């Protein structure tokens, strides 16, 4: 998969009609602390599931 080019207007065309949850997800997934904690949690999870505590901490209620 090619690297996301955040400076390119083409990269954001899919967000033109996005809902607020889509935009929130775009912001969250770029958060370095979120990504670090997510990777650590998944690595330590026997079933690879996101914990309820993690969801609460990061306000994740719109993504499985």
PDB file of N, CA and C in Angstrom:
ATOM      1  N   UNK A   1       0.844  -1.177   0.000  1.00  0.00           N
ATOM      2  CA  UNK A   1       0.000   0.000   0.000  1.00  0.00           C
ATOM      3  C   UNK A   1       0.891   1.242   0.000  1.00  0.00           C
ATOM      4  N   UNK A   2       0.585   2.205  -0.858  1.00  0.00           N
ATOM      5  CA  UNK A   2       1.412   3.412  -0.915  1.00  0.00           C
ATOM      6  C   UNK A   2       1.243   4.261   0.340  1.00  0.00           C
ATOM      7  N   UNK A   3       2.279   5.005   0.632  1.00  0.00           N
ATOM      8  CA  UNK A   3       2.252   5.920   1.776  1.00  0.00           C
ATOM      9  C   UNK A   3       1.199   7.001   1.537  1.00  0.00           C
ATOM     10  N   UNK A   4       0.457   7.348   2.581  1.00  0.00           N
ATOM     11  CA  UNK A   4      -0.548   8.397   2.497  1.00  0.00           C
ATOM     12  C   UNK A   4       0.159   9.739   2.353  1.00  0.00           C
ATOM     13  N   UNK A   5      -0.180  10.483   1.338  1.00  0.00           N
ATOM     14  CA  UNK A   5       0.421  11.791   1.103  1.00  0.00           C
ATOM     15  C   UNK A   5      -0.517  12.866   1.646  1.00  0.00           C
ATOM     16  N   UNK A   6      -0.277  13.294   2.880  1.00  0.00           N
ATOM     17  CA  UNK A   6      -1.199  14.204   3.546  1.00  0.00           C
ATOM     18  C   UNK A   6      -1.221  15.596   2.921  1.00  0.00           C
ATOM     19  N   UNK A   7      -0.224  15.943   2.164  1.00  0.00           N
ATOM     20  CA  UNK A   7      -0.198  17.271   1.538  1.00  0.00           C
ATOM     21  C   UNK A   7      -0.996  17.319   0.235  1.00  0.00           C
ATOM     22  N   UNK A   8      -1.343  16.180  -0.279  1.00  0.00           N
ATOM     23  CA  UNK A   8      -2.021  16.130  -1.570  1.00  0.00           C
ATOM     24  C   UNK A   8      -3.533  16.310  -1.414  1.00  0.00           C
ATOM     25  N   UNK A   9      -4.120  17.271  -2.135  1.00  0.00           N
ATOM     26  CA  UNK A   9      -5.579  17.442  -2.083  1.00  0.00           C
ATOM     27  C   UNK A   9      -6.321  16.183  -2.529  1.00  0.00           C
ATOM     28  N   UNK A  10      -5.699  15.399  -3.395  1.00  0.00           N
ATOM     29  CA  UNK A  10      -6.323  14.160  -3.866  1.00  0.00           C
ATOM     30  C   UNK A  10      -6.568  13.187  -2.716  1.00  0.00           C
ATOM     31  N   UNK A  11      -5.711  13.227  -1.717  1.00  0.00           N
ATOM     32  CA  UNK A  11      -5.829  12.315  -0.582  1.00  0.00           C
ATOM     33  C   UNK A  11      -7.065  12.593   0.262  1.00  0.00           C
ATOM     34  N   UNK A  12      -7.628  13.768   0.123  1.00  0.00           N
ATOM     35  CA  UNK A  12      -8.748  14.165   0.971  1.00  0.00           C
ATOM     36  C   UNK A  12     -10.087  14.171   0.251  1.00  0.00           C
ATOM     37  N   UNK A  13     -10.104  13.783  -1.008  1.00  0.00           N
ATOM     38  CA  UNK A  13     -11.367  13.792  -1.746  1.00  0.00           C
ATOM     39  C   UNK A  13     -12.422  12.926  -1.073  1.00  0.00           C
ATOM     40  N   UNK A  14     -12.009  11.820  -0.485  1.00  0.00           N
ATOM     41  CA  UNK A  14     -12.975  10.930   0.166  1.00  0.00           C
ATOM     42  C   UNK A  14     -13.599  11.573   1.401  1.00  0.00           C
ATOM     43  N   UNK A  15     -12.982  12.618   1.923  1.00  0.00           N
ATOM     44  CA  UNK A  15     -13.508  13.274   3.120  1.00  0.00           C
ATOM     45  C   UNK A  15     -14.460  14.427   2.808  1.00  0.00           C
ATOM     46  N   UNK A  16     -14.612  14.770   1.550  1.00  0.00           N
ATOM     47  CA  UNK A  16     -15.481  15.894   1.197  1.00  0.00           C
ATOM     48  C   UNK A  16     -16.906  15.689   1.682  1.00  0.00           C
ATOM     49  N   UNK A  17     -17.396  14.479   1.608  1.00  0.00           N
ATOM     50  CA  UNK A  17     -18.751  14.187   2.057  1.00  0.00           C
ATOM     51  C   UNK A  17     -18.747  13.349   3.330  1.00  0.00           C
ATOM     52  N   UNK A  18     -17.652  13.380   4.050  1.00  0.00           N
ATOM     53  CA  UNK A  18     -17.504  12.556   5.246  1.00  0.00           C
ATOM     54  C   UNK A  18     -18.375  13.059   6.391  1.00  0.00           C
ATOM     55  N   UNK A  19     -18.726  12.122   7.240  1.00  0.00           N
ATOM     56  CA  UNK A  19     -19.437  12.472   8.467  1.00  0.00           C
ATOM     57  C   UNK A  19     -18.403  12.832   9.529  1.00  0.00           C
ATOM     58  N   UNK A  20     -18.855  13.430  10.603  1.00  0.00           N
ATOM     59  CA  UNK A  20     -17.945  13.880  11.663  1.00  0.00           C
ATOM     60  C   UNK A  20     -17.141  12.721  12.246  1.00  0.00           C
ATOM     61  N   UNK A  21     -17.745  11.530  12.329  1.00  0.00           N
ATOM     62  CA  UNK A  21     -17.018  10.379  12.869  1.00  0.00           C
ATOM     63  C   UNK A  21     -15.870   9.973  11.946  1.00  0.00           C
ATOM     64  N   UNK A  22     -16.053  10.130  10.652  1.00  0.00           N
ATOM     65  CA  UNK A  22     -14.977   9.819   9.710  1.00  0.00           C
ATOM     66  C   UNK A  22     -13.802  10.771   9.886  1.00  0.00           C
ATOM     67  N   UNK A  23     -14.116  12.023  10.086  1.00  0.00           N
ATOM     68  CA  UNK A  23     -13.071  13.031  10.277  1.00  0.00           C
ATOM     69  C   UNK A  23     -12.374  12.819  11.613  1.00  0.00           C
ATOM     70  N   UNK A  24     -13.142  12.492  12.641  1.00  0.00           N
ATOM     71  CA  UNK A  24     -12.555  12.200  13.949  1.00  0.00           C
ATOM     72  C   UNK A  24     -11.604  11.012  13.848  1.00  0.00           C
ATOM     73  N   UNK A  25     -12.005   9.986  13.113  1.00  0.00           N
ATOM     74  CA  UNK A  25     -11.148   8.814  12.938  1.00  0.00           C
ATOM     75  C   UNK A  25      -9.851   9.195  12.223  1.00  0.00           C
ATOM     76  N   UNK A  26      -9.934  10.036  11.204  1.00  0.00           N
ATOM     77  CA  UNK A  26      -8.732  10.468  10.496  1.00  0.00           C
ATOM     78  C   UNK A  26      -7.762  11.163  11.452  1.00  0.00           C
ATOM     79  N   UNK A  27      -8.290  11.991  12.334  1.00  0.00           N
ATOM     80  CA  UNK A  27      -7.434  12.688  13.303  1.00  0.00           C
ATOM     81  C   UNK A  27      -6.837  11.712  14.305  1.00  0.00           C
ATOM     82  N   UNK A  28      -7.658  10.816  14.820  1.00  0.00           N
ATOM     83  CA  UNK A  28      -7.194   9.883  15.840  1.00  0.00           C
ATOM     84  C   UNK A  28      -6.128   8.944  15.301  1.00  0.00           C
ATOM     85  N   UNK A  29      -6.344   8.413  14.116  1.00  0.00           N
ATOM     86  CA  UNK A  29      -5.393   7.434  13.592  1.00  0.00           C
ATOM     87  C   UNK A  29      -4.019   8.034  13.308  1.00  0.00           C
ATOM     88  N   UNK A  30      -3.935   9.361  13.252  1.00  0.00           N
ATOM     89  CA  UNK A  30      -2.646  10.030  13.042  1.00  0.00           C
ATOM     90  C   UNK A  30      -1.952  10.395  14.355  1.00  0.00           C
ATOM     91  N   UNK A  31      -2.644  10.197  15.456  1.00  0.00           N
ATOM     92  CA  UNK A  31      -2.098  10.537  16.769  1.00  0.00           C
ATOM     93  C   UNK A  31      -1.032   9.501  17.148  1.00  0.00           C
ATOM     94  N   UNK A  32       0.196   9.960  17.340  1.00  0.00           N
ATOM     95  CA  UNK A  32       1.311   9.063  17.637  1.00  0.00           C
ATOM     96  C   UNK A  32       1.070   8.287  18.931  1.00  0.00           C
ATOM     97  N   UNK A  33       0.550   8.939  19.948  1.00  0.00           N
ATOM     98  CA  UNK A  33       0.304   8.256  21.224  1.00  0.00           C
ATOM     99  C   UNK A  33      -0.770   7.183  21.077  1.00  0.00           C
ATOM    100  N   UNK A  34      -1.820   7.500  20.336  1.00  0.00           N
ATOM    101  CA  UNK A  34      -2.868   6.505  20.082  1.00  0.00           C
ATOM    102  C   UNK A  34      -2.281   5.292  19.372  1.00  0.00           C
ATOM    103  N   UNK A  35      -1.525   5.513  18.315  1.00  0.00           N
ATOM    104  CA  UNK A  35      -0.960   4.396  17.555  1.00  0.00           C
ATOM    105  C   UNK A  35      -0.031   3.546  18.413  1.00  0.00           C
ATOM    106  N   UNK A  36       0.783   4.194  19.226  1.00  0.00           N
ATOM    107  CA  UNK A  36       1.711   3.472  20.107  1.00  0.00           C
ATOM    108  C   UNK A  36       0.938   2.613  21.105  1.00  0.00           C
ATOM    109  N   UNK A  37      -0.067   3.198  21.740  1.00  0.00           N
ATOM    110  CA  UNK A  37      -0.855   2.443  22.716  1.00  0.00           C
ATOM    111  C   UNK A  37      -1.650   1.318  22.056  1.00  0.00           C
ATOM    112  N   UNK A  38      -2.169   1.580  20.872  1.00  0.00           N
ATOM    113  CA  UNK A  38      -2.923   0.557  20.151  1.00  0.00           C
ATOM    114  C   UNK A  38      -2.025  -0.637  19.826  1.00  0.00           C
ATOM    115  N   UNK A  39      -0.849  -0.373  19.282  1.00  0.00           N
ATOM    116  CA  UNK A  39       0.077  -1.456  18.939  1.00  0.00           C
ATOM    117  C   UNK A  39       0.465  -2.259  20.175  1.00  0.00           C
ATOM    118  N   UNK A  40       0.739  -1.573  21.283  1.00  0.00           N
ATOM    119  CA  UNK A  40       1.108  -2.269  22.520  1.00  0.00           C
ATOM    120  C   UNK A  40      -0.053  -3.115  23.033  1.00  0.00           C
ATOM    121  N   UNK A  41      -1.262  -2.571  22.982  1.00  0.00           N
ATOM    122  CA  UNK A  41      -2.423  -3.305  23.478  1.00  0.00           C
ATOM    123  C   UNK A  41      -2.663  -4.552  22.638  1.00  0.00           C
ATOM    124  N   UNK A  42      -2.628  -4.423  21.325  1.00  0.00           N
ATOM    125  CA  UNK A  42      -2.854  -5.563  20.441  1.00  0.00           C
ATOM    126  C   UNK A  42      -1.768  -6.617  20.633  1.00  0.00           C
ATOM    127  N   UNK A  43      -0.530  -6.185  20.784  1.00  0.00           N
ATOM    128  CA  UNK A  43       0.584  -7.113  20.976  1.00  0.00           C
ATOM    129  C   UNK A  43       0.431  -7.912  22.260  1.00  0.00           C
ATOM    130  N   UNK A  44      -0.194  -7.316  23.270  1.00  0.00           N
ATOM    131  CA  UNK A  44      -0.355  -7.978  24.566  1.00  0.00           C
ATOM    132  C   UNK A  44      -1.711  -8.644  24.741  1.00  0.00           C
ATOM    133  N   UNK A  45      -2.536  -8.578  23.726  1.00  0.00           N
ATOM    134  CA  UNK A  45      -3.880  -9.150  23.809  1.00  0.00           C
ATOM    135  C   UNK A  45      -3.881 -10.554  23.202  1.00  0.00           C
ATOM    136  N   UNK A  46      -4.302 -11.548  23.976  1.00  0.00           N
ATOM    137  CA  UNK A  46      -4.298 -12.916  23.443  1.00  0.00           C
ATOM    138  C   UNK A  46      -5.239 -13.102  22.254  1.00  0.00           C
ATOM    139  N   UNK A  47      -6.320 -12.353  22.207  1.00  0.00           N
ATOM    140  CA  UNK A  47      -7.283 -12.510  21.118  1.00  0.00           C
ATOM    141  C   UNK A  47      -7.251 -11.354  20.116  1.00  0.00           C
ATOM    142  N   UNK A  48      -6.353 -10.393  20.321  1.00  0.00           N
ATOM    143  CA  UNK A  48      -6.229  -9.273  19.393  1.00  0.00           C
ATOM    144  C   UNK A  48      -7.390  -8.300  19.437  1.00  0.00           C
ATOM    145  N   UNK A  49      -8.151  -8.315  20.515  1.00  0.00           N
ATOM    146  CA  UNK A  49      -9.320  -7.441  20.642  1.00  0.00           C
ATOM    147  C   UNK A  49      -8.966  -6.122  21.313  1.00  0.00           C
ATOM    148  N   UNK A  50      -9.700  -5.084  20.946  1.00  0.00           N
ATOM    149  CA  UNK A  50      -9.566  -3.783  21.591  1.00  0.00           C
ATOM    150  C   UNK A  50     -10.346  -3.830  22.891  1.00  0.00           C
ATOM    151  N   UNK A  51      -9.711  -3.409  23.971  1.00  0.00           N
ATOM    152  CA  UNK A  51     -10.353  -3.478  25.280  1.00  0.00           C
ATOM    153  C   UNK A  51     -11.347  -2.332  25.477  1.00  0.00           C
ATOM    154  N   UNK A  52     -12.342  -2.566  26.320  1.00  0.00           N
ATOM    155  CA  UNK A  52     -13.283  -1.485  26.640  1.00  0.00           C
ATOM    156  C   UNK A  52     -12.582  -0.270  27.250  1.00  0.00           C
ATOM    157  N   UNK A  53     -11.544  -0.508  28.048  1.00  0.00           N
ATOM    158  CA  UNK A  53     -10.806   0.596  28.666  1.00  0.00           C
ATOM    159  C   UNK A  53     -10.122   1.460  27.606  1.00  0.00           C
ATOM    160  N   UNK A  54      -9.551   0.802  26.617  1.00  0.00           N
ATOM    161  CA  UNK A  54      -8.899   1.529  25.529  1.00  0.00           C
ATOM    162  C   UNK A  54      -9.925   2.339  24.752  1.00  0.00           C
ATOM    163  N   UNK A  55     -11.060   1.745  24.462  1.00  0.00           N
ATOM    164  CA  UNK A  55     -12.128   2.459  23.747  1.00  0.00           C
ATOM    165  C   UNK A  55     -12.579   3.693  24.517  1.00  0.00           C
ATOM    166  N   UNK A  56     -12.758   3.526  25.830  1.00  0.00           N
ATOM    167  CA  UNK A  56     -13.186   4.673  26.653  1.00  0.00           C
ATOM    168  C   UNK A  56     -12.133   5.768  26.664  1.00  0.00           C
ATOM    169  N   UNK A  57     -10.872   5.374  26.866  1.00  0.00           N
ATOM    170  CA  UNK A  57      -9.796   6.364  26.957  1.00  0.00           C
ATOM    171  C   UNK A  57      -9.720   7.220  25.691  1.00  0.00           C
ATOM    172  N   UNK A  58      -9.838   6.572  24.531  1.00  0.00           N
ATOM    173  CA  UNK A  58      -9.697   7.280  23.272  1.00  0.00           C
ATOM    174  C   UNK A  58     -11.016   7.698  22.647  1.00  0.00           C
ATOM    175  N   UNK A  59     -12.119   7.414  23.321  1.00  0.00           N
ATOM    176  CA  UNK A  59     -13.419   7.838  22.819  1.00  0.00           C
ATOM    177  C   UNK A  59     -13.872   7.081  21.588  1.00  0.00           C
ATOM    178  N   UNK A  60     -13.446   5.840  21.487  1.00  0.00           N
ATOM    179  CA  UNK A  60     -13.777   5.042  20.308  1.00  0.00           C
ATOM    180  C   UNK A  60     -15.104   4.318  20.541  1.00  0.00           C
ATOM    181  N   UNK A  61     -16.098   4.781  19.837  1.00  0.00           N
ATOM    182  CA  UNK A  61     -17.393   4.108  19.926  1.00  0.00           C
ATOM    183  C   UNK A  61     -17.979   3.896  18.540  1.00  0.00           C
ATOM    184  N   UNK A  62     -17.228   4.293  17.511  1.00  0.00           N
ATOM    185  CA  UNK A  62     -17.747   4.214  16.154  1.00  0.00           C
ATOM    186  C   UNK A  62     -16.949   3.276  15.268  1.00  0.00           C
ATOM    187  N   UNK A  63     -15.930   2.648  15.798  1.00  0.00           N
ATOM    188  CA  UNK A  63     -15.131   1.683  15.043  1.00  0.00           C
ATOM    189  C   UNK A  63     -15.046   0.371  15.809  1.00  0.00           C
ATOM    190  N   UNK A  64     -15.282  -0.743  15.134  1.00  0.00           N
ATOM    191  CA  UNK A  64     -15.112  -2.044  15.809  1.00  0.00           C
ATOM    192  C   UNK A  64     -13.646  -2.345  16.021  1.00  0.00           C
TER     193      UNK A  64
END
